[in-house]
Every structure is written in C-alpha cells, then in structure tokens.
Amino acid sequence: LVIENVCARWLVSLLFLGVALVAVYRLTQRRGGRVEQITWLLHLAMAVAMTVMVWQPTPPVFGSSVLALAFLGAALVFVGIGVRTRQFRINGYHALMMMSMAWMYVAMSSGHDQAAGMSSASSAEEPAAMSHSMPDMAAMTTSPRSTGESSSVGSAWFAPAVNWTLVGFFAAATAFWLYRCYHGVARSGETQRRRRLLVGAGQLCQATMALGATIMFAAML
C-alpha cells in the first residue's frame, strides 16, 4: 500500500471521493461545452484511480502499464485541448497532473515487482541454503538478487528527485487553487455570487485533488 497510516488513507480517500462526486454532478448537469465535459470525465477517472490506489496493492505489470498509458493518453488529450482553445496554462496543468499519475503507476509497479522478486528469490533459495556451507550462504547473501539490486524505475537514482519535485509542485498548486477560490468568491458581487460559487467549487475541487496528490507522492518518498 502507498499509505500505511489508516487515518491518512481515509483522509485521502475522502478527498478524492469528494472530487468524484463533484465531477459526477458536473457531468450530469451537462453545463459547458464538450471540452468541459471531457475535463470532468478525466478528473473523475483520476479521482477513482487514486482512491483505489490508496487501498489496493499495485496491479501487475500489465495492468499498471495499461493504466500508465491511459493517463499518458489523457495528458495528450489536455495538450490537444490547450492547442485548440489556446488555454495553455490550465490545460498544461491538467496534462502534468495526468502525467504524474502515469509516473505513479510506473514507479509503484516497478517497486512492487522488485519486492515480489526478492520474496520469491528468498523463498526459492531457502531450501538450498540449508544444504550448503557457510561460505556458500555468504556468497548468496551478497548476490544481486538477494540484495535487491534492480534497474526498475521506482528504485532509480532520479526517482526521489521526481517525487520531491511533484510534492512541491502539488503543494504549491494546492495553495494557488485555495487562494483563487477564496479570492474569487469573497470579491464577487451579489449578482455574480451564484456563478462564482460554481466556479469556486471547481477551484476547490482542483485544490482537493492537488492536496491528495501531495499526500500520495509524499508517501512514496
């Protein structure tokens, strides 16, 4: 599991479930154009995937690869939307968020496979170790398989740097979206209050997703 603490798991789950509920509501209201509908649909998929990831072990390599490719495809969708609408900043942010999901699946799956390989290797070598001398056991304990040496992405030298960068990025994004939400709702007039509340709900949803992503990537450090 990504997060060992049960309370933290429930907190992150509630954050993403709240995002999923808002996304379902916005999709059922059918407000906005096709671009907005696609945006909320992809955010719904991310919220559900994050919630499942909190509680379930990492899927096998094939499943993780498919999910990683799916979120890379979602990132390309946002790039295309940004090019089409000329709204590069917001869609670039959404694309980076989808790419971070792909990175999370790749890093977690490689770490899971490495741990599984170490477990199976140790269980397979245990009977053999009983019939060998002490020098043989020492040689086995210093072998690459028993020490867990791996070229997996999750254990690569740059993985901590990527995770720290994403923690800082999403923490800053959380603060940014909370400021936008408060500033916009507080300064709106009475005639604009209803519209600003809807926009503020969307911005609060973005802040919630960014906070949840911050916690998830912090747990991977």
C-alpha atoms as a PDB file:
ATOM      1  CA  LEU A   1       0.000   0.000   0.000  1.00  0.00           C
ATOM      2  CA  VAL A   2       1.126   3.562  -0.687  1.00  0.00           C
ATOM      3  CA  ILE A   3      -0.058   4.968   2.661  1.00  0.00           C
ATOM      4  CA  GLU A   4       0.394   2.801   5.750  1.00  0.00           C
ATOM      5  CA  ASN A   5      -1.460   5.022   8.230  1.00  0.00           C
ATOM      6  CA  VAL A   6      -5.174   4.197   8.253  1.00  0.00           C
ATOM      7  CA  CYS A   7      -6.279   7.726   9.183  1.00  0.00           C
ATOM      8  CA  ALA A   8      -4.238   9.200   6.352  1.00  0.00           C
ATOM      9  CA  ARG A   9      -5.729   6.650   3.973  1.00  0.00           C
ATOM     10  CA  TRP A  10      -9.244   7.649   4.954  1.00  0.00           C
ATOM     11  CA  LEU A  11      -8.376  11.346   4.609  1.00  0.00           C
ATOM     12  CA  VAL A  12      -7.026  10.910   1.090  1.00  0.00           C
ATOM     13  CA  SER A  13      -9.953   8.663   0.171  1.00  0.00           C
ATOM     14  CA  LEU A  14     -12.471  11.264   1.317  1.00  0.00           C
ATOM     15  CA  LEU A  15     -10.632  13.956  -0.638  1.00  0.00           C
ATOM     16  CA  PHE A  16     -10.789  12.027  -3.878  1.00  0.00           C
ATOM     17  CA  LEU A  17     -14.319  10.751  -3.276  1.00  0.00           C
ATOM     18  CA  GLY A  18     -15.398  14.378  -2.859  1.00  0.00           C
ATOM     19  CA  VAL A  19     -13.749  15.202  -6.177  1.00  0.00           C
ATOM     20  CA  ALA A  20     -15.504  12.245  -7.800  1.00  0.00           C
ATOM     21  CA  LEU A  21     -18.901  13.388  -6.505  1.00  0.00           C
ATOM     22  CA  VAL A  22     -18.350  16.920  -7.816  1.00  0.00           C
ATOM     23  CA  ALA A  23     -17.265  15.528 -11.180  1.00  0.00           C
ATOM     24  CA  VAL A  24     -20.350  13.306 -11.398  1.00  0.00           C
ATOM     25  CA  TYR A  25     -22.563  16.274 -10.528  1.00  0.00           C
ATOM     26  CA  ARG A  26     -20.986  18.497 -13.173  1.00  0.00           C
ATOM     27  CA  LEU A  27     -21.273  15.731 -15.762  1.00  0.00           C
ATOM     28  CA  THR A  28     -24.959  15.139 -15.024  1.00  0.00           C
ATOM     29  CA  GLN A  29     -25.721  18.872 -15.214  1.00  0.00           C
ATOM     30  CA  ARG A  30     -24.316  18.983 -18.751  1.00  0.00           C
ATOM     31  CA  ARG A  31     -23.227  22.586 -18.369  1.00  0.00           C
ATOM     32  CA  GLY A  32     -20.495  23.957 -20.541  1.00  0.00           C
ATOM     33  CA  GLY A  33     -19.293  22.553 -23.805  1.00  0.00           C
ATOM     34  CA  ARG A  34     -17.739  19.290 -24.824  1.00  0.00           C
ATOM     35  CA  VAL A  35     -14.315  20.370 -23.571  1.00  0.00           C
ATOM     36  CA  GLU A  36     -15.619  20.884 -20.044  1.00  0.00           C
ATOM     37  CA  GLN A  37     -17.358  17.519 -20.101  1.00  0.00           C
ATOM     38  CA  ILE A  38     -14.149  15.780 -21.199  1.00  0.00           C
ATOM     39  CA  THR A  39     -12.212  17.605 -18.484  1.00  0.00           C
ATOM     40  CA  TRP A  40     -14.556  16.482 -15.723  1.00  0.00           C
ATOM     41  CA  LEU A  41     -14.684  12.940 -17.092  1.00  0.00           C
ATOM     42  CA  LEU A  42     -10.893  12.633 -16.963  1.00  0.00           C
ATOM     43  CA  HIS A  43     -10.798  14.124 -13.479  1.00  0.00           C
ATOM     44  CA  LEU A  44     -13.408  11.598 -12.403  1.00  0.00           C
ATOM     45  CA  ALA A  45     -11.220   8.794 -13.755  1.00  0.00           C
ATOM     46  CA  MET A  46      -8.213  10.163 -11.874  1.00  0.00           C
ATOM     47  CA  ALA A  47     -10.141  10.517  -8.610  1.00  0.00           C
ATOM     48  CA  VAL A  48     -11.426   6.941  -8.817  1.00  0.00           C
ATOM     49  CA  ALA A  49      -7.960   5.611  -9.708  1.00  0.00           C
ATOM     50  CA  MET A  50      -6.378   7.466  -6.792  1.00  0.00           C
ATOM     51  CA  THR A  51      -8.998   6.175  -4.358  1.00  0.00           C
ATOM     52  CA  VAL A  52      -8.450   2.584  -5.474  1.00  0.00           C
ATOM     53  CA  MET A  53      -4.678   3.045  -5.301  1.00  0.00           C
ATOM     54  CA  VAL A  54      -4.902   4.115  -1.651  1.00  0.00           C
ATOM     55  CA  TRP A  55      -6.456   0.820  -0.556  1.00  0.00           C
ATOM     56  CA  GLN A  56      -5.411  -1.796  -3.106  1.00  0.00           C
ATOM     57  CA  PRO A  57      -1.926  -3.153  -3.827  1.00  0.00           C
ATOM     58  CA  THR A  58      -0.286  -2.191  -7.071  1.00  0.00           C
ATOM     59  CA  PRO A  59      -1.726  -4.133 -10.018  1.00  0.00           C
ATOM     60  CA  PRO A  60       0.509  -6.446 -12.066  1.00  0.00           C
ATOM     61  CA  VAL A  61       2.920  -5.065 -14.615  1.00  0.00           C
ATOM     62  CA  PHE A  62       0.435  -5.408 -17.467  1.00  0.00           C
ATOM     63  CA  GLY A  63      -2.324  -3.616 -15.566  1.00  0.00           C
ATOM     64  CA  SER A  64      -0.017  -0.853 -14.401  1.00  0.00           C
ATOM     65  CA  SER A  65       1.338  -0.388 -17.925  1.00  0.00           C
ATOM     66  CA  VAL A  66      -2.170  -0.094 -19.351  1.00  0.00           C
ATOM     67  CA  LEU A  67      -3.186   2.456 -16.705  1.00  0.00           C
ATOM     68  CA  ALA A  68       0.026   4.428 -17.187  1.00  0.00           C
ATOM     69  CA  LEU A  69      -0.551   4.558 -20.943  1.00  0.00           C
ATOM     70  CA  ALA A  70      -4.175   5.563 -20.361  1.00  0.00           C
ATOM     71  CA  PHE A  71      -3.159   8.550 -18.246  1.00  0.00           C
ATOM     72  CA  LEU A  72      -0.467   9.483 -20.739  1.00  0.00           C
ATOM     73  CA  GLY A  73      -3.225   9.482 -23.334  1.00  0.00           C
ATOM     74  CA  ALA A  74      -5.285  11.720 -21.032  1.00  0.00           C
ATOM     75  CA  ALA A  75      -2.320  14.093 -20.832  1.00  0.00           C
ATOM     76  CA  LEU A  76      -2.194  14.233 -24.628  1.00  0.00           C
ATOM     77  CA  VAL A  77      -5.914  14.991 -24.661  1.00  0.00           C
ATOM     78  CA  PHE A  78      -5.325  18.031 -22.462  1.00  0.00           C
ATOM     79  CA  VAL A  79      -2.435  19.105 -24.667  1.00  0.00           C
ATOM     80  CA  GLY A  80      -4.766  18.922 -27.647  1.00  0.00           C
ATOM     81  CA  ILE A  81      -7.444  20.891 -25.791  1.00  0.00           C
ATOM     82  CA  GLY A  82      -4.886  23.543 -24.893  1.00  0.00           C
ATOM     83  CA  VAL A  83      -3.787  23.878 -28.505  1.00  0.00           C
ATOM     84  CA  ARG A  84      -7.372  24.050 -29.724  1.00  0.00           C
ATOM     85  CA  THR A  85      -8.649  26.543 -27.133  1.00  0.00           C
ATOM     86  CA  ARG A  86      -5.379  28.480 -26.709  1.00  0.00           C
ATOM     87  CA  GLN A  87      -5.719  27.978 -22.939  1.00  0.00           C
ATOM     88  CA  PHE A  88      -2.249  26.607 -22.418  1.00  0.00           C
ATOM     89  CA  ARG A  89      -1.745  27.206 -18.699  1.00  0.00           C
ATOM     90  CA  ILE A  90      -4.784  25.459 -17.274  1.00  0.00           C
ATOM     91  CA  ASN A  91      -4.665  22.585 -19.737  1.00  0.00           C
ATOM     92  CA  GLY A  92      -0.919  22.282 -19.300  1.00  0.00           C
ATOM     93  CA  TYR A  93      -1.528  21.922 -15.569  1.00  0.00           C
ATOM     94  CA  HIS A  94      -4.118  19.201 -16.187  1.00  0.00           C
ATOM     95  CA  ALA A  95      -1.705  17.439 -18.551  1.00  0.00           C
ATOM     96  CA  LEU A  96       1.048  17.492 -15.911  1.00  0.00           C
ATOM     97  CA  MET A  97      -1.358  16.037 -13.368  1.00  0.00           C
ATOM     98  CA  MET A  98      -2.232  13.162 -15.700  1.00  0.00           C
ATOM     99  CA  MET A  99       1.448  12.570 -16.424  1.00  0.00           C
ATOM    100  CA  SER A 100       2.129  12.419 -12.691  1.00  0.00           C
ATOM    101  CA  MET A 101      -0.486   9.678 -12.443  1.00  0.00           C
ATOM    102  CA  ALA A 102       1.327   7.717 -15.136  1.00  0.00           C
ATOM    103  CA  TRP A 103       4.611   8.175 -13.264  1.00  0.00           C
ATOM    104  CA  MET A 104       2.996   6.958 -10.039  1.00  0.00           C
ATOM    105  CA  TYR A 105       1.787   3.749 -11.681  1.00  0.00           C
ATOM    106  CA  VAL A 106       5.182   3.085 -13.267  1.00  0.00           C
ATOM    107  CA  ALA A 107       7.116   3.768 -10.060  1.00  0.00           C
ATOM    108  CA  MET A 108       4.780   1.779  -7.840  1.00  0.00           C
ATOM    109  CA  SER A 109       4.547  -1.211 -10.164  1.00  0.00           C
ATOM    110  CA  SER A 110       8.329  -1.452 -10.511  1.00  0.00           C
ATOM    111  CA  GLY A 111       8.752  -1.277  -6.755  1.00  0.00           C
ATOM    112  CA  HIS A 112       6.058  -3.907  -6.264  1.00  0.00           C
ATOM    113  CA  ASP A 113       7.661  -6.243  -8.796  1.00  0.00           C
ATOM    114  CA  GLN A 114      11.066  -5.766  -7.165  1.00  0.00           C
ATOM    115  CA  ALA A 115       9.659  -6.671  -3.750  1.00  0.00           C
ATOM    116  CA  ALA A 116       7.841  -9.688  -5.187  1.00  0.00           C
ATOM    117  CA  GLY A 117      11.008 -10.845  -6.946  1.00  0.00           C
ATOM    118  CA  MET A 118      13.018 -10.557  -3.747  1.00  0.00           C
ATOM    119  CA  SER A 119      10.378 -12.527  -1.844  1.00  0.00           C
ATOM    120  CA  SER A 120      10.216 -15.319  -4.397  1.00  0.00           C
ATOM    121  CA  ALA A 121      14.008 -15.447  -4.690  1.00  0.00           C
ATOM    122  CA  SER A 122      14.469 -15.731  -0.937  1.00  0.00           C
ATOM    123  CA  SER A 123      11.819 -18.457  -0.654  1.00  0.00           C
ATOM    124  CA  ALA A 124      13.413 -20.406  -3.513  1.00  0.00           C
ATOM    125  CA  GLU A 125      16.920 -20.125  -2.079  1.00  0.00           C
ATOM    126  CA  GLU A 126      15.950 -21.049   1.477  1.00  0.00           C
ATOM    127  CA  PRO A 127      15.917 -24.855   0.961  1.00  0.00           C
ATOM    128  CA  ALA A 128      19.194 -24.667  -0.945  1.00  0.00           C
ATOM    129  CA  ALA A 129      20.769 -22.635   1.826  1.00  0.00           C
ATOM    130  CA  MET A 130      20.077 -25.435   4.325  1.00  0.00           C
ATOM    131  CA  SER A 131      22.271 -27.847   2.381  1.00  0.00           C
ATOM    132  CA  HIS A 132      25.217 -25.552   1.724  1.00  0.00           C
ATOM    133  CA  SER A 133      28.120 -24.483   3.859  1.00  0.00           C
ATOM    134  CA  MET A 134      28.515 -21.084   5.499  1.00  0.00           C
ATOM    135  CA  PRO A 135      30.735 -19.660   2.692  1.00  0.00           C
ATOM    136  CA  ASP A 136      28.039 -20.585   0.177  1.00  0.00           C
ATOM    137  CA  MET A 137      25.425 -18.806   2.272  1.00  0.00           C
ATOM    138  CA  ALA A 138      27.599 -15.711   2.452  1.00  0.00           C
ATOM    139  CA  ALA A 139      28.034 -15.778  -1.300  1.00  0.00           C
ATOM    140  CA  MET A 140      24.299 -15.998  -1.780  1.00  0.00           C
ATOM    141  CA  THR A 141      23.571 -13.114   0.555  1.00  0.00           C
ATOM    142  CA  THR A 142      25.872 -10.880  -1.446  1.00  0.00           C
ATOM    143  CA  SER A 143      24.336 -11.797  -4.783  1.00  0.00           C
ATOM    144  CA  PRO A 144      22.426  -9.090  -6.695  1.00  0.00           C
ATOM    145  CA  ARG A 145      19.142 -10.961  -6.383  1.00  0.00           C
ATOM    146  CA  SER A 146      19.299 -11.251  -2.604  1.00  0.00           C
ATOM    147  CA  THR A 147      20.368  -7.664  -2.052  1.00  0.00           C
ATOM    148  CA  GLY A 148      17.520  -6.403  -4.201  1.00  0.00           C
ATOM    149  CA  GLU A 149      19.609  -4.661  -6.821  1.00  0.00           C
ATOM    150  CA  SER A 150      17.341  -3.692  -9.666  1.00  0.00           C
ATOM    151  CA  SER A 151      17.176  -1.411 -12.614  1.00  0.00           C
ATOM    152  CA  SER A 152      13.465  -0.697 -12.022  1.00  0.00           C
ATOM    153  CA  VAL A 153      12.188   2.839 -12.455  1.00  0.00           C
ATOM    154  CA  GLY A 154      10.877   3.076  -8.902  1.00  0.00           C
ATOM    155  CA  SER A 155      14.349   2.427  -7.458  1.00  0.00           C
ATOM    156  CA  ALA A 156      16.254   4.553  -9.986  1.00  0.00           C
ATOM    157  CA  TRP A 157      18.505   7.324  -8.713  1.00  0.00           C
ATOM    158  CA  PHE A 158      16.234  10.047 -10.085  1.00  0.00           C
ATOM    159  CA  ALA A 159      13.004   8.667  -8.545  1.00  0.00           C
ATOM    160  CA  PRO A 160      13.312  10.543  -5.207  1.00  0.00           C
ATOM    161  CA  ALA A 161      14.058  13.782  -7.047  1.00  0.00           C
ATOM    162  CA  VAL A 162      10.967  13.338  -9.241  1.00  0.00           C
ATOM    163  CA  ASN A 163       8.787  12.561  -6.213  1.00  0.00           C
ATOM    164  CA  TRP A 164      10.109  15.551  -4.254  1.00  0.00           C
ATOM    165  CA  THR A 165       9.509  17.814  -7.250  1.00  0.00           C
ATOM    166  CA  LEU A 166       5.926  16.576  -7.560  1.00  0.00           C
ATOM    167  CA  VAL A 167       5.335  17.049  -3.824  1.00  0.00           C
ATOM    168  CA  GLY A 168       6.479  20.663  -4.054  1.00  0.00           C
ATOM    169  CA  PHE A 169       4.551  21.261  -7.261  1.00  0.00           C
ATOM    170  CA  PHE A 170       1.232  19.947  -5.966  1.00  0.00           C
ATOM    171  CA  ALA A 171       1.673  21.637  -2.581  1.00  0.00           C
ATOM    172  CA  ALA A 172       2.107  24.957  -4.390  1.00  0.00           C
ATOM    173  CA  ALA A 173      -0.864  24.109  -6.612  1.00  0.00           C
ATOM    174  CA  THR A 174      -2.997  23.457  -3.523  1.00  0.00           C
ATOM    175  CA  ALA A 175      -2.178  26.894  -2.126  1.00  0.00           C
ATOM    176  CA  PHE A 176      -2.777  28.522  -5.518  1.00  0.00           C
ATOM    177  CA  TRP A 177      -6.232  26.968  -6.019  1.00  0.00           C
ATOM    178  CA  LEU A 178      -7.313  27.746  -2.450  1.00  0.00           C
ATOM    179  CA  TYR A 179      -6.299  31.376  -2.951  1.00  0.00           C
ATOM    180  CA  ARG A 180      -8.143  31.569  -6.265  1.00  0.00           C
ATOM    181  CA  CYS A 181     -11.239  30.055  -4.673  1.00  0.00           C
ATOM    182  CA  TYR A 182     -11.290  32.387  -1.670  1.00  0.00           C
ATOM    183  CA  HIS A 183     -10.322  35.483  -3.600  1.00  0.00           C
ATOM    184  CA  GLY A 184     -12.923  34.923  -6.303  1.00  0.00           C
ATOM    185  CA  VAL A 185     -15.859  34.152  -4.014  1.00  0.00           C
ATOM    186  CA  ALA A 186     -15.041  36.856  -1.468  1.00  0.00           C
ATOM    187  CA  ARG A 187     -14.845  39.653  -4.067  1.00  0.00           C
ATOM    188  CA  SER A 188     -17.835  38.689  -6.174  1.00  0.00           C
ATOM    189  CA  GLY A 189     -20.980  40.823  -6.039  1.00  0.00           C
ATOM    190  CA  GLU A 190     -24.420  39.545  -5.139  1.00  0.00           C
ATOM    191  CA  THR A 191     -25.437  39.228  -8.787  1.00  0.00           C
ATOM    192  CA  GLN A 192     -22.329  37.180  -9.500  1.00  0.00           C
ATOM    193  CA  ARG A 193     -22.382  35.155  -6.294  1.00  0.00           C
ATOM    194  CA  ARG A 194     -24.103  32.075  -7.729  1.00  0.00           C
ATOM    195  CA  ARG A 195     -21.771  31.873 -10.699  1.00  0.00           C
ATOM    196  CA  ARG A 196     -18.728  32.478  -8.525  1.00  0.00           C
ATOM    197  CA  LEU A 197     -19.833  29.745  -6.154  1.00  0.00           C
ATOM    198  CA  LEU A 198     -19.944  27.297  -9.060  1.00  0.00           C
ATOM    199  CA  VAL A 199     -16.530  28.427 -10.260  1.00  0.00           C
ATOM    200  CA  GLY A 200     -15.242  28.364  -6.689  1.00  0.00           C
ATOM    201  CA  ALA A 201     -16.489  24.803  -6.275  1.00  0.00           C
ATOM    202  CA  GLY A 202     -14.446  23.812  -9.303  1.00  0.00           C
ATOM    203  CA  GLN A 203     -11.372  25.570  -7.944  1.00  0.00           C
ATOM    204  CA  LEU A 204     -11.867  23.953  -4.540  1.00  0.00           C
ATOM    205  CA  CYS A 205     -12.086  20.623  -6.354  1.00  0.00           C
ATOM    206  CA  GLN A 206      -8.733  21.333  -8.015  1.00  0.00           C
ATOM    207  CA  ALA A 207      -7.228  22.236  -4.638  1.00  0.00           C
ATOM    208  CA  THR A 208      -8.566  18.986  -3.177  1.00  0.00           C
ATOM    209  CA  MET A 209      -7.035  16.932  -5.981  1.00  0.00           C
ATOM    210  CA  ALA A 210      -3.710  18.723  -5.609  1.00  0.00           C
ATOM    211  CA  LEU A 211      -3.698  18.140  -1.838  1.00  0.00           C
ATOM    212  CA  GLY A 212      -4.453  14.454  -2.303  1.00  0.00           C
ATOM    213  CA  ALA A 213      -1.675  14.142  -4.894  1.00  0.00           C
ATOM    214  CA  THR A 214       0.718  15.886  -2.490  1.00  0.00           C
ATOM    215  CA  ILE A 215      -0.013  13.335   0.228  1.00  0.00           C
ATOM    216  CA  MET A 216       0.292  10.407  -2.182  1.00  0.00           C
ATOM    217  CA  PHE A 217       3.665  11.482  -3.543  1.00  0.00           C
ATOM    218  CA  ALA A 218       4.916  12.344  -0.062  1.00  0.00           C
ATOM    219  CA  ALA A 219       4.086   8.779   0.985  1.00  0.00           C
ATOM    220  CA  MET A 220       6.294   7.488  -1.841  1.00  0.00           C
ATOM    221  CA  LEU A 221       9.392   9.291  -0.555  1.00  0.00           C
END
